[in-house]
């Protein structure tokens, strides 16, 4: 592992097997500032992501030796790590971008990218992470550790949910969407609002990603929890 270490407490892990691209990202992330660590192998990148955290950002290329970026992303989220993840994709690989978002990536950059875009995306991810942080200074509504909605119990700390006492099998993104809904029952959200608040910065135009997750959640929760609000989007409430 190589590192560029400015005077900053932020730590960024870059898993990218193209040396020139990795050095470019490290150079400009260091300007923000942040300590940028580079790894070229997917398996070693996953080990570092899990064993040498906490990290403030993971930058994952899709095509990595050893283990691909999508698999690294899936494994990190399966462990319950909420670190911001920025995926790097090739131009035109829309399917890979959608898969990355569904597996828990927070944003993506398409190669080739500009330095200004890279830094803007990273700053936006850090702003969102700060708003989610319990230490954030603004007076945000307190989020409970668990919610009980009819026959369903949702645990924010464990990131698990149970229906009639049986654990539901949820992906990291499905859980985030469920918690977002359940924490604000009765409120109607547009698809764009859900993309911005659950998926994060830069996902305009991916309405079908929201639709896919809503359909999956409905199948797992059963009837009555997620309603379609025609002309608006979706609303969560306890079944009658």
C-alpha atoms as a PDB file:
ATOM      1  CA  UNK A   1       0.000   0.000   0.000  1.00  0.00           C
ATOM      2  CA  UNK A   2       1.280   3.460  -0.900  1.00  0.00           C
ATOM      3  CA  UNK A   3       0.149   6.647   0.767  1.00  0.00           C
ATOM      4  CA  UNK A   4       0.193  10.399   0.208  1.00  0.00           C
ATOM      5  CA  UNK A   5      -0.289  11.956   3.624  1.00  0.00           C
ATOM      6  CA  UNK A   6      -1.080  15.671   3.985  1.00  0.00           C
ATOM      7  CA  UNK A   7      -1.973  17.288   7.290  1.00  0.00           C
ATOM      8  CA  UNK A   8      -5.483  15.870   7.485  1.00  0.00           C
ATOM      9  CA  UNK A   9      -7.400  13.408   9.618  1.00  0.00           C
ATOM     10  CA  UNK A  10      -9.388  12.203   6.595  1.00  0.00           C
ATOM     11  CA  UNK A  11      -8.334   8.892   5.057  1.00  0.00           C
ATOM     12  CA  UNK A  12      -9.183   7.747   1.534  1.00  0.00           C
ATOM     13  CA  UNK A  13      -8.580   4.256   0.169  1.00  0.00           C
ATOM     14  CA  UNK A  14      -8.159   4.162  -3.621  1.00  0.00           C
ATOM     15  CA  UNK A  15      -8.420   0.700  -5.187  1.00  0.00           C
ATOM     16  CA  UNK A  16      -7.374   1.201  -8.800  1.00  0.00           C
ATOM     17  CA  UNK A  17      -5.049  -0.936 -10.935  1.00  0.00           C
ATOM     18  CA  UNK A  18      -4.129   1.775 -13.453  1.00  0.00           C
ATOM     19  CA  UNK A  19      -1.138   3.494 -11.787  1.00  0.00           C
ATOM     20  CA  UNK A  20      -1.534   6.826 -13.606  1.00  0.00           C
ATOM     21  CA  UNK A  21      -5.235   7.058 -12.718  1.00  0.00           C
ATOM     22  CA  UNK A  22      -4.583   6.063  -9.105  1.00  0.00           C
ATOM     23  CA  UNK A  23      -1.821   8.665  -8.717  1.00  0.00           C
ATOM     24  CA  UNK A  24      -4.005  11.354 -10.286  1.00  0.00           C
ATOM     25  CA  UNK A  25      -6.850  10.625  -7.862  1.00  0.00           C
ATOM     26  CA  UNK A  26      -4.469  10.517  -4.889  1.00  0.00           C
ATOM     27  CA  UNK A  27      -2.854  13.805  -5.877  1.00  0.00           C
ATOM     28  CA  UNK A  28      -6.124  15.692  -6.104  1.00  0.00           C
ATOM     29  CA  UNK A  29      -7.802  14.050  -3.108  1.00  0.00           C
ATOM     30  CA  UNK A  30      -4.741  15.125  -1.108  1.00  0.00           C
ATOM     31  CA  UNK A  31      -5.539  18.732  -2.038  1.00  0.00           C
ATOM     32  CA  UNK A  32      -8.904  18.610  -0.231  1.00  0.00           C
ATOM     33  CA  UNK A  33      -6.977  17.609   2.044  1.00  0.00           C
ATOM     34  CA  UNK A  34      -6.960  13.885   2.826  1.00  0.00           C
ATOM     35  CA  UNK A  35      -4.457  11.082   3.264  1.00  0.00           C
ATOM     36  CA  UNK A  36      -4.755   8.978   0.101  1.00  0.00           C
ATOM     37  CA  UNK A  37      -3.816   5.290   0.224  1.00  0.00           C
ATOM     38  CA  UNK A  38      -3.471   3.335  -3.032  1.00  0.00           C
ATOM     39  CA  UNK A  39      -4.027  -0.388  -3.631  1.00  0.00           C
ATOM     40  CA  UNK A  40      -4.140  -2.084  -7.036  1.00  0.00           C
ATOM     41  CA  UNK A  41      -5.618  -5.490  -6.145  1.00  0.00           C
ATOM     42  CA  UNK A  42      -9.273  -6.014  -5.284  1.00  0.00           C
ATOM     43  CA  UNK A  43      -8.765  -8.663  -2.612  1.00  0.00           C
ATOM     44  CA  UNK A  44      -6.092  -6.656  -0.839  1.00  0.00           C
ATOM     45  CA  UNK A  45      -8.251  -3.556  -1.193  1.00  0.00           C
ATOM     46  CA  UNK A  46     -11.128  -5.340   0.546  1.00  0.00           C
ATOM     47  CA  UNK A  47      -8.835  -6.516   3.328  1.00  0.00           C
ATOM     48  CA  UNK A  48      -7.597  -2.965   3.904  1.00  0.00           C
ATOM     49  CA  UNK A  49     -11.121  -1.553   3.728  1.00  0.00           C
ATOM     50  CA  UNK A  50     -12.279  -3.886   6.493  1.00  0.00           C
ATOM     51  CA  UNK A  51      -9.136  -4.183   8.628  1.00  0.00           C
ATOM     52  CA  UNK A  52      -7.524  -0.747   8.567  1.00  0.00           C
ATOM     53  CA  UNK A  53     -10.510   1.582   8.873  1.00  0.00           C
ATOM     54  CA  UNK A  54     -12.246   3.746   9.622  1.00  0.00           C
ATOM     55  CA  UNK A  55     -11.976   5.290   6.176  1.00  0.00           C
ATOM     56  CA  UNK A  56     -13.644   8.502   5.068  1.00  0.00           C
ATOM     57  CA  UNK A  57     -13.985   7.368   1.437  1.00  0.00           C
ATOM     58  CA  UNK A  58     -13.453   4.286  -0.717  1.00  0.00           C
ATOM     59  CA  UNK A  59     -12.713   4.839  -4.417  1.00  0.00           C
ATOM     60  CA  UNK A  60     -13.268   1.555  -6.286  1.00  0.00           C
ATOM     61  CA  UNK A  61     -12.563   0.804  -9.915  1.00  0.00           C
ATOM     62  CA  UNK A  62     -14.947  -1.731 -11.440  1.00  0.00           C
ATOM     63  CA  UNK A  63     -12.323  -3.862 -13.181  1.00  0.00           C
ATOM     64  CA  UNK A  64      -9.747  -4.955 -10.628  1.00  0.00           C
ATOM     65  CA  UNK A  65      -7.472  -7.995 -10.461  1.00  0.00           C
ATOM     66  CA  UNK A  66      -8.326 -10.499  -7.753  1.00  0.00           C
ATOM     67  CA  UNK A  67     -11.791  -9.150  -6.948  1.00  0.00           C
ATOM     68  CA  UNK A  68     -13.893  -6.681  -8.931  1.00  0.00           C
ATOM     69  CA  UNK A  69     -15.078  -3.367  -7.592  1.00  0.00           C
ATOM     70  CA  UNK A  70     -18.712  -4.491  -7.431  1.00  0.00           C
ATOM     71  CA  UNK A  71     -17.740  -7.478  -5.274  1.00  0.00           C
ATOM     72  CA  UNK A  72     -15.648  -5.267  -2.986  1.00  0.00           C
ATOM     73  CA  UNK A  73     -18.570  -2.855  -2.634  1.00  0.00           C
ATOM     74  CA  UNK A  74     -20.990  -5.699  -1.876  1.00  0.00           C
ATOM     75  CA  UNK A  75     -18.663  -7.179   0.762  1.00  0.00           C
ATOM     76  CA  UNK A  76     -18.084  -3.835   2.503  1.00  0.00           C
ATOM     77  CA  UNK A  77     -21.813  -3.127   2.730  1.00  0.00           C
ATOM     78  CA  UNK A  78     -22.557  -6.690   3.872  1.00  0.00           C
ATOM     79  CA  UNK A  79     -20.352  -5.979   6.898  1.00  0.00           C
ATOM     80  CA  UNK A  80     -22.504  -2.958   7.720  1.00  0.00           C
ATOM     81  CA  UNK A  81     -19.813  -0.365   6.944  1.00  0.00           C
ATOM     82  CA  UNK A  82     -21.377   3.002   6.079  1.00  0.00           C
ATOM     83  CA  UNK A  83     -18.251   4.542   4.526  1.00  0.00           C
ATOM     84  CA  UNK A  84     -18.957   6.628   1.385  1.00  0.00           C
ATOM     85  CA  UNK A  85     -18.107   4.637  -1.772  1.00  0.00           C
ATOM     86  CA  UNK A  86     -17.271   6.250  -5.107  1.00  0.00           C
ATOM     87  CA  UNK A  87     -17.214   3.847  -8.068  1.00  0.00           C
ATOM     88  CA  UNK A  88     -15.116   4.408 -11.208  1.00  0.00           C
ATOM     89  CA  UNK A  89     -16.702   3.167 -14.433  1.00  0.00           C
ATOM     90  CA  UNK A  90     -15.859   3.144 -18.121  1.00  0.00           C
ATOM     91  CA  UNK A  91     -17.802   5.372 -20.483  1.00  0.00           C
ATOM     92  CA  UNK A  92     -21.075   3.803 -21.609  1.00  0.00           C
ATOM     93  CA  UNK A  93     -21.232   1.092 -18.898  1.00  0.00           C
ATOM     94  CA  UNK A  94     -24.675   2.113 -17.606  1.00  0.00           C
ATOM     95  CA  UNK A  95     -25.517  -1.393 -16.394  1.00  0.00           C
ATOM     96  CA  UNK A  96     -22.403  -1.480 -14.205  1.00  0.00           C
ATOM     97  CA  UNK A  97     -23.242   1.935 -12.757  1.00  0.00           C
ATOM     98  CA  UNK A  98     -26.768   0.814 -11.885  1.00  0.00           C
ATOM     99  CA  UNK A  99     -25.472  -2.392 -10.319  1.00  0.00           C
ATOM    100  CA  UNK A 100     -22.981  -0.406  -8.282  1.00  0.00           C
ATOM    101  CA  UNK A 101     -25.690   1.896  -6.947  1.00  0.00           C
ATOM    102  CA  UNK A 102     -27.931  -1.046  -6.091  1.00  0.00           C
ATOM    103  CA  UNK A 103     -25.101  -2.807  -4.234  1.00  0.00           C
ATOM    104  CA  UNK A 104     -24.510   0.218  -2.041  1.00  0.00           C
ATOM    105  CA  UNK A 105     -22.203   2.633  -3.874  1.00  0.00           C
ATOM    106  CA  UNK A 106     -22.965   6.280  -3.095  1.00  0.00           C
ATOM    107  CA  UNK A 107     -21.830   7.812  -6.368  1.00  0.00           C
ATOM    108  CA  UNK A 108     -19.864   7.086  -9.527  1.00  0.00           C
ATOM    109  CA  UNK A 109     -17.439   8.776 -11.885  1.00  0.00           C
ATOM    110  CA  UNK A 110     -17.135   7.923 -15.556  1.00  0.00           C
ATOM    111  CA  UNK A 111     -13.622   7.755 -17.011  1.00  0.00           C
ATOM    112  CA  UNK A 112     -12.145  10.024 -18.205  1.00  0.00           C
ATOM    113  CA  UNK A 113     -13.165  12.575 -15.581  1.00  0.00           C
ATOM    114  CA  UNK A 114     -12.042  16.089 -14.751  1.00  0.00           C
ATOM    115  CA  UNK A 115     -10.215  17.044 -11.580  1.00  0.00           C
ATOM    116  CA  UNK A 116     -12.933  19.548 -10.696  1.00  0.00           C
ATOM    117  CA  UNK A 117     -15.646  16.890 -11.017  1.00  0.00           C
ATOM    118  CA  UNK A 118     -13.673  14.417  -8.903  1.00  0.00           C
ATOM    119  CA  UNK A 119     -13.183  16.917  -6.102  1.00  0.00           C
ATOM    120  CA  UNK A 120     -16.800  18.123  -6.273  1.00  0.00           C
ATOM    121  CA  UNK A 121     -18.112  14.561  -5.958  1.00  0.00           C
ATOM    122  CA  UNK A 122     -15.817  13.813  -3.017  1.00  0.00           C
ATOM    123  CA  UNK A 123     -16.796  17.010  -1.196  1.00  0.00           C
ATOM    124  CA  UNK A 124     -20.485  16.241  -1.749  1.00  0.00           C
ATOM    125  CA  UNK A 125     -20.073  12.747  -0.299  1.00  0.00           C
ATOM    126  CA  UNK A 126     -18.333  14.156   2.757  1.00  0.00           C
ATOM    127  CA  UNK A 127     -21.064  16.748   3.268  1.00  0.00           C
ATOM    128  CA  UNK A 128     -23.686  14.006   3.229  1.00  0.00           C
ATOM    129  CA  UNK A 129     -21.617  11.851   5.590  1.00  0.00           C
ATOM    130  CA  UNK A 130     -21.311  14.794   7.999  1.00  0.00           C
ATOM    131  CA  UNK A 131     -25.079  15.266   8.013  1.00  0.00           C
ATOM    132  CA  UNK A 132     -25.529  11.591   8.940  1.00  0.00           C
ATOM    133  CA  UNK A 133     -22.900  11.745  11.674  1.00  0.00           C
ATOM    134  CA  UNK A 134     -24.110  11.821  15.310  1.00  0.00           C
ATOM    135  CA  UNK A 135     -21.418  14.459  15.999  1.00  0.00           C
ATOM    136  CA  UNK A 136     -22.785  16.863  13.401  1.00  0.00           C
ATOM    137  CA  UNK A 137     -23.295  20.210  15.057  1.00  0.00           C
ATOM    138  CA  UNK A 138     -26.688  21.145  13.616  1.00  0.00           C
ATOM    139  CA  UNK A 139     -29.879  20.428  15.532  1.00  0.00           C
ATOM    140  CA  UNK A 140     -31.155  17.452  13.571  1.00  0.00           C
ATOM    141  CA  UNK A 141     -34.071  15.306  14.722  1.00  0.00           C
ATOM    142  CA  UNK A 142     -32.867  12.422  16.858  1.00  0.00           C
ATOM    143  CA  UNK A 143     -33.047   9.092  15.079  1.00  0.00           C
ATOM    144  CA  UNK A 144     -34.266   6.185  17.234  1.00  0.00           C
ATOM    145  CA  UNK A 145     -32.331   2.940  17.420  1.00  0.00           C
ATOM    146  CA  UNK A 146     -35.332   0.878  16.385  1.00  0.00           C
ATOM    147  CA  UNK A 147     -38.857   1.276  15.050  1.00  0.00           C
ATOM    148  CA  UNK A 148     -41.913  -0.924  15.419  1.00  0.00           C
ATOM    149  CA  UNK A 149     -44.403  -0.668  12.559  1.00  0.00           C
ATOM    150  CA  UNK A 150     -47.324  -3.101  12.852  1.00  0.00           C
ATOM    151  CA  UNK A 151     -45.756  -6.584  12.692  1.00  0.00           C
ATOM    152  CA  UNK A 152     -42.357  -5.254  11.604  1.00  0.00           C
ATOM    153  CA  UNK A 153     -39.413  -4.295  13.814  1.00  0.00           C
ATOM    154  CA  UNK A 154     -36.492  -2.356  12.333  1.00  0.00           C
ATOM    155  CA  UNK A 155     -33.132  -2.016  14.114  1.00  0.00           C
ATOM    156  CA  UNK A 156     -31.016   0.918  12.909  1.00  0.00           C
ATOM    157  CA  UNK A 157     -27.846  -0.134  14.763  1.00  0.00           C
ATOM    158  CA  UNK A 158     -27.825  -3.731  13.537  1.00  0.00           C
ATOM    159  CA  UNK A 159     -29.294  -2.652  10.162  1.00  0.00           C
ATOM    160  CA  UNK A 160     -31.758  -5.535  10.322  1.00  0.00           C
ATOM    161  CA  UNK A 161     -35.534  -5.887  10.116  1.00  0.00           C
ATOM    162  CA  UNK A 162     -37.948  -8.594  11.238  1.00  0.00           C
ATOM    163  CA  UNK A 163     -41.509  -9.375  10.168  1.00  0.00           C
ATOM    164  CA  UNK A 164     -43.588 -11.429  12.639  1.00  0.00           C
ATOM    165  CA  UNK A 165     -40.283 -12.299  14.353  1.00  0.00           C
ATOM    166  CA  UNK A 166     -38.606 -13.599  11.190  1.00  0.00           C
ATOM    167  CA  UNK A 167     -35.599 -11.702   9.873  1.00  0.00           C
ATOM    168  CA  UNK A 168     -35.995 -10.148   6.448  1.00  0.00           C
ATOM    169  CA  UNK A 169     -33.229 -10.589   3.893  1.00  0.00           C
ATOM    170  CA  UNK A 170     -32.427  -7.032   2.834  1.00  0.00           C
ATOM    171  CA  UNK A 171     -29.570  -5.599   0.817  1.00  0.00           C
ATOM    172  CA  UNK A 172     -27.768  -2.594   2.368  1.00  0.00           C
ATOM    173  CA  UNK A 173     -29.590  -0.209   0.033  1.00  0.00           C
ATOM    174  CA  UNK A 174     -32.973  -1.841   0.685  1.00  0.00           C
ATOM    175  CA  UNK A 175     -32.437  -1.384   4.418  1.00  0.00           C
ATOM    176  CA  UNK A 176     -31.457   2.279   3.950  1.00  0.00           C
ATOM    177  CA  UNK A 177     -34.577   2.862   1.888  1.00  0.00           C
ATOM    178  CA  UNK A 178     -36.805   1.070   4.408  1.00  0.00           C
ATOM    179  CA  UNK A 179     -35.372   3.034   7.343  1.00  0.00           C
ATOM    180  CA  UNK A 180     -35.767   6.323   5.467  1.00  0.00           C
ATOM    181  CA  UNK A 181     -39.415   5.522   4.787  1.00  0.00           C
ATOM    182  CA  UNK A 182     -40.245   4.141   8.234  1.00  0.00           C
ATOM    183  CA  UNK A 183     -38.633   7.058  10.031  1.00  0.00           C
ATOM    184  CA  UNK A 184     -41.019   9.434   8.225  1.00  0.00           C
ATOM    185  CA  UNK A 185     -44.347   7.553   7.960  1.00  0.00           C
ATOM    186  CA  UNK A 186     -47.091   9.150   5.917  1.00  0.00           C
ATOM    187  CA  UNK A 187     -44.766  11.451   3.992  1.00  0.00           C
ATOM    188  CA  UNK A 188     -44.865  11.144   0.193  1.00  0.00           C
ATOM    189  CA  UNK A 189     -41.466  11.140  -1.513  1.00  0.00           C
ATOM    190  CA  UNK A 190     -40.794  11.672  -5.199  1.00  0.00           C
ATOM    191  CA  UNK A 191     -38.314   9.386  -6.950  1.00  0.00           C
ATOM    192  CA  UNK A 192     -35.848  12.255  -7.256  1.00  0.00           C
ATOM    193  CA  UNK A 193     -36.109  12.951  -3.518  1.00  0.00           C
ATOM    194  CA  UNK A 194     -35.409   9.304  -2.722  1.00  0.00           C
ATOM    195  CA  UNK A 195     -32.448   9.287  -5.110  1.00  0.00           C
ATOM    196  CA  UNK A 196     -31.019  12.394  -3.467  1.00  0.00           C
ATOM    197  CA  UNK A 197     -31.680  11.376   0.142  1.00  0.00           C
ATOM    198  CA  UNK A 198     -31.016   7.623   0.037  1.00  0.00           C
ATOM    199  CA  UNK A 199     -28.693   7.139  -2.937  1.00  0.00           C
ATOM    200  CA  UNK A 200     -27.003  10.520  -2.754  1.00  0.00           C
ATOM    201  CA  UNK A 201     -25.459  13.033  -5.105  1.00  0.00           C
ATOM    202  CA  UNK A 202     -25.407  12.619  -8.854  1.00  0.00           C
ATOM    203  CA  UNK A 203     -28.070  10.038  -9.684  1.00  0.00           C
ATOM    204  CA  UNK A 204     -30.573  12.085 -11.665  1.00  0.00           C
ATOM    205  CA  UNK A 205     -32.181  10.008 -14.393  1.00  0.00           C
ATOM    206  CA  UNK A 206     -32.072   6.705 -12.496  1.00  0.00           C
ATOM    207  CA  UNK A 207     -35.752   6.563 -11.569  1.00  0.00           C
ATOM    208  CA  UNK A 208     -35.838   2.906 -12.535  1.00  0.00           C
ATOM    209  CA  UNK A 209     -33.347   2.170  -9.741  1.00  0.00           C
ATOM    210  CA  UNK A 210     -35.897   3.480  -7.211  1.00  0.00           C
ATOM    211  CA  UNK A 211     -38.683   1.504  -8.862  1.00  0.00           C
ATOM    212  CA  UNK A 212     -36.635  -1.699  -8.697  1.00  0.00           C
ATOM    213  CA  UNK A 213     -35.930  -1.288  -4.989  1.00  0.00           C
ATOM    214  CA  UNK A 214     -39.534  -0.370  -4.205  1.00  0.00           C
ATOM    215  CA  UNK A 215     -40.761  -3.498  -5.987  1.00  0.00           C
ATOM    216  CA  UNK A 216     -38.286  -5.672  -4.090  1.00  0.00           C
ATOM    217  CA  UNK A 217     -39.224  -4.137  -0.750  1.00  0.00           C
ATOM    218  CA  UNK A 218     -42.924  -4.638  -1.425  1.00  0.00           C
ATOM    219  CA  UNK A 219     -42.367  -8.327  -2.107  1.00  0.00           C
ATOM    220  CA  UNK A 220     -40.400  -8.732   1.120  1.00  0.00           C
ATOM    221  CA  UNK A 221     -42.703  -6.639   3.331  1.00  0.00           C
ATOM    222  CA  UNK A 222     -46.003  -7.766   1.887  1.00  0.00           C
ATOM    223  CA  UNK A 223     -49.056  -5.656   1.122  1.00  0.00           C
ATOM    224  CA  UNK A 224     -49.926  -2.405   2.803  1.00  0.00           C
ATOM    225  CA  UNK A 225     -46.596  -0.840   3.788  1.00  0.00           C
ATOM    226  CA  UNK A 226     -45.533   1.103   0.678  1.00  0.00           C
ATOM    227  CA  UNK A 227     -48.217   2.958  -1.275  1.00  0.00           C
ATOM    228  CA  UNK A 228     -47.912   4.590  -4.678  1.00  0.00           C
ATOM    229  CA  UNK A 229     -48.943   8.250  -4.590  1.00  0.00           C
ATOM    230  CA  UNK A 230     -49.920   8.979  -8.179  1.00  0.00           C
ATOM    231  CA  UNK A 231     -48.181  12.002  -9.636  1.00  0.00           C
ATOM    232  CA  UNK A 232     -45.772  12.169  -6.678  1.00  0.00           C
ATOM    233  CA  UNK A 233     -44.004   8.928  -5.810  1.00  0.00           C
ATOM    234  CA  UNK A 234     -44.235   6.659  -2.769  1.00  0.00           C
ATOM    235  CA  UNK A 235     -45.406   6.774   0.844  1.00  0.00           C
ATOM    236  CA  UNK A 236     -44.797   4.409   3.780  1.00  0.00           C
ATOM    237  CA  UNK A 237     -47.420   3.639   6.402  1.00  0.00           C
ATOM    238  CA  UNK A 238     -48.602   0.826   8.610  1.00  0.00           C
ATOM    239  CA  UNK A 239     -51.113  -1.485   6.919  1.00  0.00           C
ATOM    240  CA  UNK A 240     -54.757  -1.064   7.957  1.00  0.00           C
END
